[in-house]
Amino acid sequence: EVVEMDLIDPASVRIFAERFVATGAPLHLLILSAGIMTPPL
């Protein structure tokens, strides 16, 4: 399942995570694989 979230936007992260928590479902694995490397400042 794909759900919208922008990792650098605090509001977007909060909305995604709070919606998941609100379902009452357990989360068994959280894999933090996203990232960026050596962009301009």
PDB file of all heavy atoms in Angstrom:
ATOM      1  N   GLU A   1       0.854  -1.176   0.000  1.00  0.00           N
ATOM      2  CA  GLU A   1       0.000   0.000   0.000  1.00  0.00           C
ATOM      3  C   GLU A   1       0.896   1.234   0.000  1.00  0.00           C
ATOM      4  O   GLU A   1       1.851   1.322   0.767  1.00  0.00           O
ATOM      5  CB  GLU A   1      -0.879  -0.037   1.254  1.00  0.00           C
ATOM      6  CG  GLU A   1      -1.746   1.169   1.492  1.00  0.00           C
ATOM      7  CD  GLU A   1      -2.469   1.084   2.830  1.00  0.00           C
ATOM      8  OE1 GLU A   1      -2.322   0.059   3.541  1.00  0.00           O
ATOM      9  OE2 GLU A   1      -3.166   2.059   3.173  1.00  0.00           O
ATOM     10  N   VAL A   2       0.592   2.196  -0.861  1.00  0.00           N
ATOM     11  CA  VAL A   2       1.360   3.443  -0.940  1.00  0.00           C
ATOM     12  C   VAL A   2       0.529   4.562  -0.325  1.00  0.00           C
ATOM     13  O   VAL A   2      -0.649   4.733  -0.647  1.00  0.00           O
ATOM     14  CB  VAL A   2       1.720   3.789  -2.398  1.00  0.00           C
ATOM     15  CG1 VAL A   2       2.430   5.146  -2.471  1.00  0.00           C
ATOM     16  CG2 VAL A   2       2.595   2.697  -3.005  1.00  0.00           C
ATOM     17  N   VAL A   3       1.165   5.328   0.579  1.00  0.00           N
ATOM     18  CA  VAL A   3       0.484   6.434   1.262  1.00  0.00           C
ATOM     19  C   VAL A   3       1.375   7.668   1.170  1.00  0.00           C
ATOM     20  O   VAL A   3       2.590   7.585   1.316  1.00  0.00           O
ATOM     21  CB  VAL A   3       0.202   6.092   2.738  1.00  0.00           C
ATOM     22  CG1 VAL A   3      -0.514   7.247   3.431  1.00  0.00           C
ATOM     23  CG2 VAL A   3      -0.618   4.806   2.854  1.00  0.00           C
ATOM     24  N   GLU A   4       0.774   8.806   0.956  1.00  0.00           N
ATOM     25  CA  GLU A   4       1.541  10.036   0.775  1.00  0.00           C
ATOM     26  C   GLU A   4       2.249  10.458   2.061  1.00  0.00           C
ATOM     27  O   GLU A   4       1.671  10.464   3.147  1.00  0.00           O
ATOM     28  CB  GLU A   4       0.621  11.161   0.311  1.00  0.00           C
ATOM     29  CG  GLU A   4       1.357  12.463   0.015  1.00  0.00           C
ATOM     30  CD  GLU A   4       0.442  13.543  -0.522  1.00  0.00           C
ATOM     31  OE1 GLU A   4      -0.777  13.295  -0.631  1.00  0.00           O
ATOM     32  OE2 GLU A   4       0.946  14.637  -0.830  1.00  0.00           O
ATOM     33  N   MET A   5       3.521  10.818   1.938  1.00  0.00           N
ATOM     34  CA  MET A   5       4.296  11.398   3.028  1.00  0.00           C
ATOM     35  C   MET A   5       5.569  12.002   2.468  1.00  0.00           C
ATOM     36  O   MET A   5       6.232  11.399   1.627  1.00  0.00           O
ATOM     37  CB  MET A   5       4.663  10.359   4.092  1.00  0.00           C
ATOM     38  CG  MET A   5       5.288  10.972   5.344  1.00  0.00           C
ATOM     39  SD  MET A   5       6.019   9.744   6.461  1.00  0.00           S
ATOM     40  CE  MET A   5       7.624   9.492   5.658  1.00  0.00           C
ATOM     41  N   ASP A   6       5.910  13.204   2.943  1.00  0.00           N
ATOM     42  CA  ASP A   6       7.160  13.856   2.576  1.00  0.00           C
ATOM     43  C   ASP A   6       8.030  13.916   3.825  1.00  0.00           C
ATOM     44  O   ASP A   6       7.707  14.610   4.790  1.00  0.00           O
ATOM     45  CB  ASP A   6       6.874  15.266   2.048  1.00  0.00           C
ATOM     46  CG  ASP A   6       8.123  15.960   1.516  1.00  0.00           C
ATOM     47  OD1 ASP A   6       9.228  15.420   1.716  1.00  0.00           O
ATOM     48  OD2 ASP A   6       7.985  17.032   0.905  1.00  0.00           O
ATOM     49  N   LEU A   7       9.129  13.184   3.814  1.00  0.00           N
ATOM     50  CA  LEU A   7       9.937  12.981   5.006  1.00  0.00           C
ATOM     51  C   LEU A   7      10.502  14.277   5.578  1.00  0.00           C
ATOM     52  O   LEU A   7      10.717  14.375   6.793  1.00  0.00           O
ATOM     53  CB  LEU A   7      11.084  12.014   4.683  1.00  0.00           C
ATOM     54  CG  LEU A   7      11.884  11.420   5.844  1.00  0.00           C
ATOM     55  CD1 LEU A   7      10.981  10.658   6.813  1.00  0.00           C
ATOM     56  CD2 LEU A   7      12.974  10.507   5.301  1.00  0.00           C
ATOM     57  N   ILE A   8      10.727  15.275   4.750  1.00  0.00           N
ATOM     58  CA  ILE A   8      11.325  16.507   5.252  1.00  0.00           C
ATOM     59  C   ILE A   8      10.277  17.504   5.746  1.00  0.00           C
ATOM     60  O   ILE A   8      10.618  18.546   6.325  1.00  0.00           O
ATOM     61  CB  ILE A   8      12.225  17.168   4.173  1.00  0.00           C
ATOM     62  CG1 ILE A   8      13.237  18.113   4.845  1.00  0.00           C
ATOM     63  CG2 ILE A   8      11.393  17.884   3.128  1.00  0.00           C
ATOM     64  CD1 ILE A   8      14.317  18.618   3.917  1.00  0.00           C
ATOM     65  N   ASP A   9       9.010  17.195   5.561  1.00  0.00           N
ATOM     66  CA  ASP A   9       7.913  18.074   5.974  1.00  0.00           C
ATOM     67  C   ASP A   9       7.321  17.554   7.279  1.00  0.00           C
ATOM     68  O   ASP A   9       6.635  16.530   7.299  1.00  0.00           O
ATOM     69  CB  ASP A   9       6.844  18.101   4.879  1.00  0.00           C
ATOM     70  CG  ASP A   9       5.671  19.003   5.213  1.00  0.00           C
ATOM     71  OD1 ASP A   9       5.585  19.496   6.365  1.00  0.00           O
ATOM     72  OD2 ASP A   9       4.811  19.201   4.337  1.00  0.00           O
ATOM     73  N   PRO A  10       7.557  18.235   8.413  1.00  0.00           N
ATOM     74  CA  PRO A  10       7.072  17.729   9.704  1.00  0.00           C
ATOM     75  C   PRO A  10       5.565  17.479   9.735  1.00  0.00           C
ATOM     76  O   PRO A  10       5.112  16.478  10.306  1.00  0.00           O
ATOM     77  CB  PRO A  10       7.465  18.839  10.692  1.00  0.00           C
ATOM     78  CG  PRO A  10       8.644  19.495  10.063  1.00  0.00           C
ATOM     79  CD  PRO A  10       8.368  19.458   8.588  1.00  0.00           C
ATOM     80  N   ALA A  11       4.783  18.339   9.106  1.00  0.00           N
ATOM     81  CA  ALA A  11       3.330  18.164   9.117  1.00  0.00           C
ATOM     82  C   ALA A  11       2.935  16.911   8.343  1.00  0.00           C
ATOM     83  O   ALA A  11       2.043  16.164   8.766  1.00  0.00           O
ATOM     84  CB  ALA A  11       2.645  19.390   8.525  1.00  0.00           C
ATOM     85  N   SER A  12       3.591  16.673   7.216  1.00  0.00           N
ATOM     86  CA  SER A  12       3.292  15.495   6.415  1.00  0.00           C
ATOM     87  C   SER A  12       3.623  14.213   7.177  1.00  0.00           C
ATOM     88  O   SER A  12       2.850  13.247   7.159  1.00  0.00           O
ATOM     89  CB  SER A  12       4.090  15.546   5.103  1.00  0.00           C
ATOM     90  OG  SER A  12       3.880  14.390   4.327  1.00  0.00           O
ATOM     91  N   VAL A  13       4.771  14.203   7.854  1.00  0.00           N
ATOM     92  CA  VAL A  13       5.156  13.037   8.658  1.00  0.00           C
ATOM     93  C   VAL A  13       4.152  12.807   9.772  1.00  0.00           C
ATOM     94  O   VAL A  13       3.723  11.670  10.027  1.00  0.00           O
ATOM     95  CB  VAL A  13       6.577  13.235   9.225  1.00  0.00           C
ATOM     96  CG1 VAL A  13       6.921  12.112  10.196  1.00  0.00           C
ATOM     97  CG2 VAL A  13       7.603  13.294   8.097  1.00  0.00           C
ATOM     98  N   ARG A  14       3.766  13.864  10.445  1.00  0.00           N
ATOM     99  CA  ARG A  14       2.823  13.737  11.563  1.00  0.00           C
ATOM    100  C   ARG A  14       1.484  13.188  11.086  1.00  0.00           C
ATOM    101  O   ARG A  14       0.908  12.287  11.722  1.00  0.00           O
ATOM    102  CB  ARG A  14       2.629  15.097  12.232  1.00  0.00           C
ATOM    103  CG  ARG A  14       1.586  15.095  13.357  1.00  0.00           C
ATOM    104  CD  ARG A  14       1.442  16.473  13.989  1.00  0.00           C
ATOM    105  NE  ARG A  14       1.162  17.503  13.006  1.00  0.00           N
ATOM    106  CZ  ARG A  14      -0.042  17.723  12.465  1.00  0.00           C
ATOM    107  NH1 ARG A  14      -1.075  16.955  12.802  1.00  0.00           N
ATOM    108  NH2 ARG A  14      -0.209  18.682  11.583  1.00  0.00           N
ATOM    109  N   ILE A  15       0.975  13.713   9.982  1.00  0.00           N
ATOM    110  CA  ILE A  15      -0.327  13.257   9.473  1.00  0.00           C
ATOM    111  C   ILE A  15      -0.269  11.773   9.109  1.00  0.00           C
ATOM    112  O   ILE A  15      -1.161  10.991   9.476  1.00  0.00           O
ATOM    113  CB  ILE A  15      -0.744  14.103   8.258  1.00  0.00           C
ATOM    114  CG1 ILE A  15      -1.094  15.526   8.717  1.00  0.00           C
ATOM    115  CG2 ILE A  15      -1.931  13.469   7.533  1.00  0.00           C
ATOM    116  CD1 ILE A  15      -1.261  16.502   7.570  1.00  0.00           C
ATOM    117  N   PHE A  16       0.778  11.366   8.390  1.00  0.00           N
ATOM    118  CA  PHE A  16       0.911   9.957   8.024  1.00  0.00           C
ATOM    119  C   PHE A  16       0.944   9.070   9.259  1.00  0.00           C
ATOM    120  O   PHE A  16       0.209   8.077   9.358  1.00  0.00           O
ATOM    121  CB  PHE A  16       2.188   9.740   7.200  1.00  0.00           C
ATOM    122  CG  PHE A  16       2.554   8.291   7.023  1.00  0.00           C
ATOM    123  CD1 PHE A  16       1.975   7.526   6.029  1.00  0.00           C
ATOM    124  CD2 PHE A  16       3.458   7.678   7.894  1.00  0.00           C
ATOM    125  CE1 PHE A  16       2.294   6.183   5.889  1.00  0.00           C
ATOM    126  CE2 PHE A  16       3.790   6.336   7.756  1.00  0.00           C
ATOM    127  CZ  PHE A  16       3.197   5.584   6.756  1.00  0.00           C
ATOM    128  N   ALA A  17       1.800   9.412  10.219  1.00  0.00           N
ATOM    129  CA  ALA A  17       1.986   8.550  11.385  1.00  0.00           C
ATOM    130  C   ALA A  17       0.754   8.547  12.283  1.00  0.00           C
ATOM    131  O   ALA A  17       0.358   7.489  12.791  1.00  0.00           O
ATOM    132  CB  ALA A  17       3.217   9.001  12.163  1.00  0.00           C
ATOM    133  N   GLU A  18       0.160   9.684  12.489  1.00  0.00           N
ATOM    134  CA  GLU A  18      -1.034   9.744  13.348  1.00  0.00           C
ATOM    135  C   GLU A  18      -2.194   8.965  12.745  1.00  0.00           C
ATOM    136  O   GLU A  18      -2.969   8.335  13.476  1.00  0.00           O
ATOM    137  CB  GLU A  18      -1.421  11.195  13.604  1.00  0.00           C
ATOM    138  CG  GLU A  18      -0.468  11.916  14.554  1.00  0.00           C
ATOM    139  CD  GLU A  18      -0.911  13.337  14.884  1.00  0.00           C
ATOM    140  OE1 GLU A  18      -1.837  13.838  14.191  1.00  0.00           O
ATOM    141  OE2 GLU A  18      -0.330  13.934  15.802  1.00  0.00           O
ATOM    142  N   ARG A  19      -2.324   9.005  11.436  1.00  0.00           N
ATOM    143  CA  ARG A  19      -3.388   8.233  10.789  1.00  0.00           C
ATOM    144  C   ARG A  19      -3.176   6.741  10.973  1.00  0.00           C
ATOM    145  O   ARG A  19      -4.133   5.991  11.196  1.00  0.00           O
ATOM    146  CB  ARG A  19      -3.469   8.589   9.301  1.00  0.00           C
ATOM    147  CG  ARG A  19      -4.129   9.935   9.032  1.00  0.00           C
ATOM    148  CD  ARG A  19      -4.142  10.273   7.549  1.00  0.00           C
ATOM    149  NE  ARG A  19      -4.866  11.514   7.293  1.00  0.00           N
ATOM    150  CZ  ARG A  19      -4.874  12.158   6.136  1.00  0.00           C
ATOM    151  NH1 ARG A  19      -4.194  11.640   5.105  1.00  0.00           N
ATOM    152  NH2 ARG A  19      -5.554  13.271   5.993  1.00  0.00           N
ATOM    153  N   PHE A  20      -1.921   6.309  10.894  1.00  0.00           N
ATOM    154  CA  PHE A  20      -1.661   4.889  11.115  1.00  0.00           C
ATOM    155  C   PHE A  20      -1.959   4.515  12.559  1.00  0.00           C
ATOM    156  O   PHE A  20      -2.622   3.500  12.825  1.00  0.00           O
ATOM    157  CB  PHE A  20      -0.214   4.532  10.774  1.00  0.00           C
ATOM    158  CG  PHE A  20       0.076   3.067  10.959  1.00  0.00           C
ATOM    159  CD1 PHE A  20      -0.183   2.165   9.942  1.00  0.00           C
ATOM    160  CD2 PHE A  20       0.546   2.579  12.170  1.00  0.00           C
ATOM    161  CE1 PHE A  20       0.038   0.807  10.123  1.00  0.00           C
ATOM    162  CE2 PHE A  20       0.775   1.227  12.358  1.00  0.00           C
ATOM    163  CZ  PHE A  20       0.519   0.327  11.335  1.00  0.00           C
ATOM    164  N   VAL A  21      -1.501   5.299  13.496  1.00  0.00           N
ATOM    165  CA  VAL A  21      -1.736   5.008  14.911  1.00  0.00           C
ATOM    166  C   VAL A  21      -3.239   4.972  15.204  1.00  0.00           C
ATOM    167  O   VAL A  21      -3.715   4.130  15.975  1.00  0.00           O
ATOM    168  CB  VAL A  21      -1.023   6.045  15.802  1.00  0.00           C
ATOM    169  CG1 VAL A  21      -1.441   5.899  17.257  1.00  0.00           C
ATOM    170  CG2 VAL A  21       0.494   5.897  15.678  1.00  0.00           C
ATOM    171  N   ALA A  22      -3.990   5.853  14.567  1.00  0.00           N
ATOM    172  CA  ALA A  22      -5.436   5.925  14.809  1.00  0.00           C
ATOM    173  C   ALA A  22      -6.170   4.666  14.371  1.00  0.00           C
ATOM    174  O   ALA A  22      -7.278   4.391  14.862  1.00  0.00           O
ATOM    175  CB  ALA A  22      -6.017   7.137  14.093  1.00  0.00           C
ATOM    176  N   THR A  23      -5.571   3.869  13.487  1.00  0.00           N
ATOM    177  CA  THR A  23      -6.225   2.625  13.071  1.00  0.00           C
ATOM    178  C   THR A  23      -6.219   1.584  14.187  1.00  0.00           C
ATOM    179  O   THR A  23      -6.978   0.615  14.142  1.00  0.00           O
ATOM    180  CB  THR A  23      -5.533   2.018  11.834  1.00  0.00           C
ATOM    181  OG1 THR A  23      -4.211   1.567  12.193  1.00  0.00           O
ATOM    182  CG2 THR A  23      -5.444   3.024  10.701  1.00  0.00           C
ATOM    183  N   GLY A  24      -5.341   1.757  15.165  1.00  0.00           N
ATOM    184  CA  GLY A  24      -5.226   0.791  16.252  1.00  0.00           C
ATOM    185  C   GLY A  24      -4.457  -0.456  15.880  1.00  0.00           C
ATOM    186  O   GLY A  24      -4.373  -1.406  16.672  1.00  0.00           O
ATOM    187  N   ALA A  25      -3.858  -0.465  14.687  1.00  0.00           N
ATOM    188  CA  ALA A  25      -3.107  -1.646  14.238  1.00  0.00           C
ATOM    189  C   ALA A  25      -1.703  -1.639  14.827  1.00  0.00           C
ATOM    190  O   ALA A  25      -1.089  -0.579  14.980  1.00  0.00           O
ATOM    191  CB  ALA A  25      -3.030  -1.669  12.717  1.00  0.00           C
ATOM    192  N   PRO A  26      -1.175  -2.801  15.165  1.00  0.00           N
ATOM    193  CA  PRO A  26       0.226  -2.869  15.605  1.00  0.00           C
ATOM    194  C   PRO A  26       1.172  -2.721  14.425  1.00  0.00           C
ATOM    195  O   PRO A  26       0.837  -3.090  13.296  1.00  0.00           O
ATOM    196  CB  PRO A  26       0.324  -4.260  16.220  1.00  0.00           C
ATOM    197  CG  PRO A  26      -0.704  -5.070  15.494  1.00  0.00           C
ATOM    198  CD  PRO A  26      -1.834  -4.128  15.184  1.00  0.00           C
ATOM    199  N   LEU A  27       2.350  -2.192  14.684  1.00  0.00           N
ATOM    200  CA  LEU A  27       3.389  -2.085  13.669  1.00  0.00           C
ATOM    201  C   LEU A  27       4.533  -2.995  14.077  1.00  0.00           C
ATOM    202  O   LEU A  27       5.200  -2.767  15.085  1.00  0.00           O
ATOM    203  CB  LEU A  27       3.876  -0.631  13.552  1.00  0.00           C
ATOM    204  CG  LEU A  27       5.008  -0.380  12.548  1.00  0.00           C
ATOM    205  CD1 LEU A  27       4.592  -0.794  11.139  1.00  0.00           C
ATOM    206  CD2 LEU A  27       5.423   1.088  12.577  1.00  0.00           C
ATOM    207  N   HIS A  28       4.763  -4.037  13.292  1.00  0.00           N
ATOM    208  CA  HIS A  28       5.745  -5.054  13.654  1.00  0.00           C
ATOM    209  C   HIS A  28       7.154  -4.727  13.179  1.00  0.00           C
ATOM    210  O   HIS A  28       8.127  -5.090  13.850  1.00  0.00           O
ATOM    211  CB  HIS A  28       5.305  -6.416  13.088  1.00  0.00           C
ATOM    212  CG  HIS A  28       3.953  -6.840  13.547  1.00  0.00           C
ATOM    213  ND1 HIS A  28       2.801  -6.522  12.857  1.00  0.00           N
ATOM    214  CD2 HIS A  28       3.555  -7.527  14.653  1.00  0.00           C
ATOM    215  CE1 HIS A  28       1.752  -7.007  13.498  1.00  0.00           C
ATOM    216  NE2 HIS A  28       2.183  -7.629  14.582  1.00  0.00           N
ATOM    217  N   LEU A  29       7.256  -4.072  12.029  1.00  0.00           N
ATOM    218  CA  LEU A  29       8.565  -3.717  11.486  1.00  0.00           C
ATOM    219  C   LEU A  29       8.520  -2.304  10.921  1.00  0.00           C
ATOM    220  O   LEU A  29       7.604  -1.974  10.154  1.00  0.00           O
ATOM    221  CB  LEU A  29       8.971  -4.676  10.366  1.00  0.00           C
ATOM    222  CG  LEU A  29       9.521  -6.050  10.727  1.00  0.00           C
ATOM    223  CD1 LEU A  29       9.668  -6.893   9.464  1.00  0.00           C
ATOM    224  CD2 LEU A  29      10.866  -5.918  11.424  1.00  0.00           C
ATOM    225  N   LEU A  30       9.491  -1.505  11.298  1.00  0.00           N
ATOM    226  CA  LEU A  30       9.652  -0.168  10.732  1.00  0.00           C
ATOM    227  C   LEU A  30      11.048  -0.105  10.129  1.00  0.00           C
ATOM    228  O   LEU A  30      12.046  -0.195  10.854  1.00  0.00           O
ATOM    229  CB  LEU A  30       9.481   0.903  11.813  1.00  0.00           C
ATOM    230  CG  LEU A  30       9.748   2.354  11.389  1.00  0.00           C
ATOM    231  CD1 LEU A  30       8.822   2.774  10.248  1.00  0.00           C
ATOM    232  CD2 LEU A  30       9.586   3.288  12.588  1.00  0.00           C
ATOM    233  N   ILE A  31      11.117   0.023   8.812  1.00  0.00           N
ATOM    234  CA  ILE A  31      12.394   0.038   8.116  1.00  0.00           C
ATOM    235  C   ILE A  31      12.603   1.427   7.517  1.00  0.00           C
ATOM    236  O   ILE A  31      11.832   1.868   6.654  1.00  0.00           O
ATOM    237  CB  ILE A  31      12.451  -1.059   7.042  1.00  0.00           C
ATOM    238  CG1 ILE A  31      12.327  -2.432   7.727  1.00  0.00           C
ATOM    239  CG2 ILE A  31      13.752  -0.971   6.242  1.00  0.00           C
ATOM    240  CD1 ILE A  31      12.325  -3.601   6.791  1.00  0.00           C
ATOM    241  N   LEU A  32      13.633   2.100   7.992  1.00  0.00           N
ATOM    242  CA  LEU A  32      13.899   3.493   7.622  1.00  0.00           C
ATOM    243  C   LEU A  32      14.991   3.512   6.564  1.00  0.00           C
ATOM    244  O   LEU A  32      16.169   3.641   6.858  1.00  0.00           O
ATOM    245  CB  LEU A  32      14.291   4.282   8.870  1.00  0.00           C
ATOM    246  CG  LEU A  32      13.277   4.172  10.028  1.00  0.00           C
ATOM    247  CD1 LEU A  32      13.771   4.910  11.259  1.00  0.00           C
ATOM    248  CD2 LEU A  32      11.892   4.667   9.605  1.00  0.00           C
ATOM    249  N   SER A  33      14.563   3.372   5.314  1.00  0.00           N
ATOM    250  CA  SER A  33      15.484   3.174   4.201  1.00  0.00           C
ATOM    251  C   SER A  33      15.647   4.420   3.341  1.00  0.00           C
ATOM    252  O   SER A  33      16.582   4.498   2.544  1.00  0.00           O
ATOM    253  CB  SER A  33      14.995   2.008   3.327  1.00  0.00           C
ATOM    254  OG  SER A  33      15.915   1.676   2.329  1.00  0.00           O
ATOM    255  N   ALA A  34      14.762   5.393   3.490  1.00  0.00           N
ATOM    256  CA  ALA A  34      14.823   6.591   2.651  1.00  0.00           C
ATOM    257  C   ALA A  34      16.031   7.440   3.021  1.00  0.00           C
ATOM    258  O   ALA A  34      16.498   7.423   4.161  1.00  0.00           O
ATOM    259  CB  ALA A  34      13.544   7.413   2.793  1.00  0.00           C
ATOM    260  N   GLY A  35      16.511   8.195   2.058  1.00  0.00           N
ATOM    261  CA  GLY A  35      17.615   9.096   2.353  1.00  0.00           C
ATOM    262  C   GLY A  35      18.054   9.865   1.127  1.00  0.00           C
ATOM    263  O   GLY A  35      17.666   9.552  -0.011  1.00  0.00           O
ATOM    264  N   ILE A  36      18.860  10.888   1.368  1.00  0.00           N
ATOM    265  CA  ILE A  36      19.470  11.652   0.294  1.00  0.00           C
ATOM    266  C   ILE A  36      20.969  11.708   0.561  1.00  0.00           C
ATOM    267  O   ILE A  36      21.408  11.550   1.708  1.00  0.00           O
ATOM    268  CB  ILE A  36      18.884  13.066   0.175  1.00  0.00           C
ATOM    269  CG1 ILE A  36      19.002  13.811   1.523  1.00  0.00           C
ATOM    270  CG2 ILE A  36      17.445  13.010  -0.290  1.00  0.00           C
ATOM    271  CD1 ILE A  36      18.563  15.254   1.448  1.00  0.00           C
ATOM    272  N   MET A  37      21.761  11.931  -0.493  1.00  0.00           N
ATOM    273  CA  MET A  37      23.206  11.904  -0.342  1.00  0.00           C
ATOM    274  C   MET A  37      23.870  13.024  -1.146  1.00  0.00           C
ATOM    275  O   MET A  37      23.631  13.150  -2.352  1.00  0.00           O
ATOM    276  CB  MET A  37      23.769  10.558  -0.804  1.00  0.00           C
ATOM    277  CG  MET A  37      25.265  10.393  -0.582  1.00  0.00           C
ATOM    278  SD  MET A  37      25.893   8.770  -1.069  1.00  0.00           S
ATOM    279  CE  MET A  37      25.960   8.953  -2.855  1.00  0.00           C
ATOM    280  N   THR A  38      24.633  13.831  -0.479  1.00  0.00           N
ATOM    281  CA  THR A  38      25.520  14.862  -1.020  1.00  0.00           C
ATOM    282  C   THR A  38      24.877  15.823  -2.016  1.00  0.00           C
ATOM    283  O   THR A  38      25.463  16.121  -3.063  1.00  0.00           O
ATOM    284  CB  THR A  38      26.781  14.233  -1.642  1.00  0.00           C
ATOM    285  OG1 THR A  38      26.431  13.420  -2.777  1.00  0.00           O
ATOM    286  CG2 THR A  38      27.548  13.403  -0.628  1.00  0.00           C
ATOM    287  N   PRO A  39      23.676  16.353  -1.707  1.00  0.00           N
ATOM    288  CA  PRO A  39      23.130  17.398  -2.578  1.00  0.00           C
ATOM    289  C   PRO A  39      23.797  18.742  -2.266  1.00  0.00           C
ATOM    290  O   PRO A  39      24.473  18.891  -1.239  1.00  0.00           O
ATOM    291  CB  PRO A  39      21.654  17.432  -2.182  1.00  0.00           C
ATOM    292  CG  PRO A  39      21.681  17.110  -0.716  1.00  0.00           C
ATOM    293  CD  PRO A  39      22.785  16.075  -0.569  1.00  0.00           C
ATOM    294  N   PRO A  40      23.595  19.734  -3.119  1.00  0.00           N
ATOM    295  CA  PRO A  40      23.995  21.093  -2.736  1.00  0.00           C
ATOM    296  C   PRO A  40      23.254  21.506  -1.455  1.00  0.00           C
ATOM    297  O   PRO A  40      22.200  20.962  -1.138  1.00  0.00           O
ATOM    298  CB  PRO A  40      23.547  21.940  -3.928  1.00  0.00           C
ATOM    299  CG  PRO A  40      23.425  20.977  -5.072  1.00  0.00           C
ATOM    300  CD  PRO A  40      23.001  19.674  -4.458  1.00  0.00           C
ATOM    301  N   LEU A  41      23.795  22.465  -0.750  1.00  0.00           N
ATOM    302  CA  LEU A  41      23.197  22.897   0.512  1.00  0.00           C
ATOM    303  C   LEU A  41      21.751  23.340   0.325  1.00  0.00           C
ATOM    304  O   LEU A  41      21.434  24.139  -0.559  1.00  0.00           O
ATOM    305  CB  LEU A  41      24.002  24.055   1.110  1.00  0.00           C
ATOM    306  CG  LEU A  41      23.416  24.681   2.383  1.00  0.00           C
ATOM    307  CD1 LEU A  41      23.362  23.675   3.527  1.00  0.00           C
ATOM    308  CD2 LEU A  41      24.228  25.911   2.789  1.00  0.00           C
TER     309      LEU A  41
END
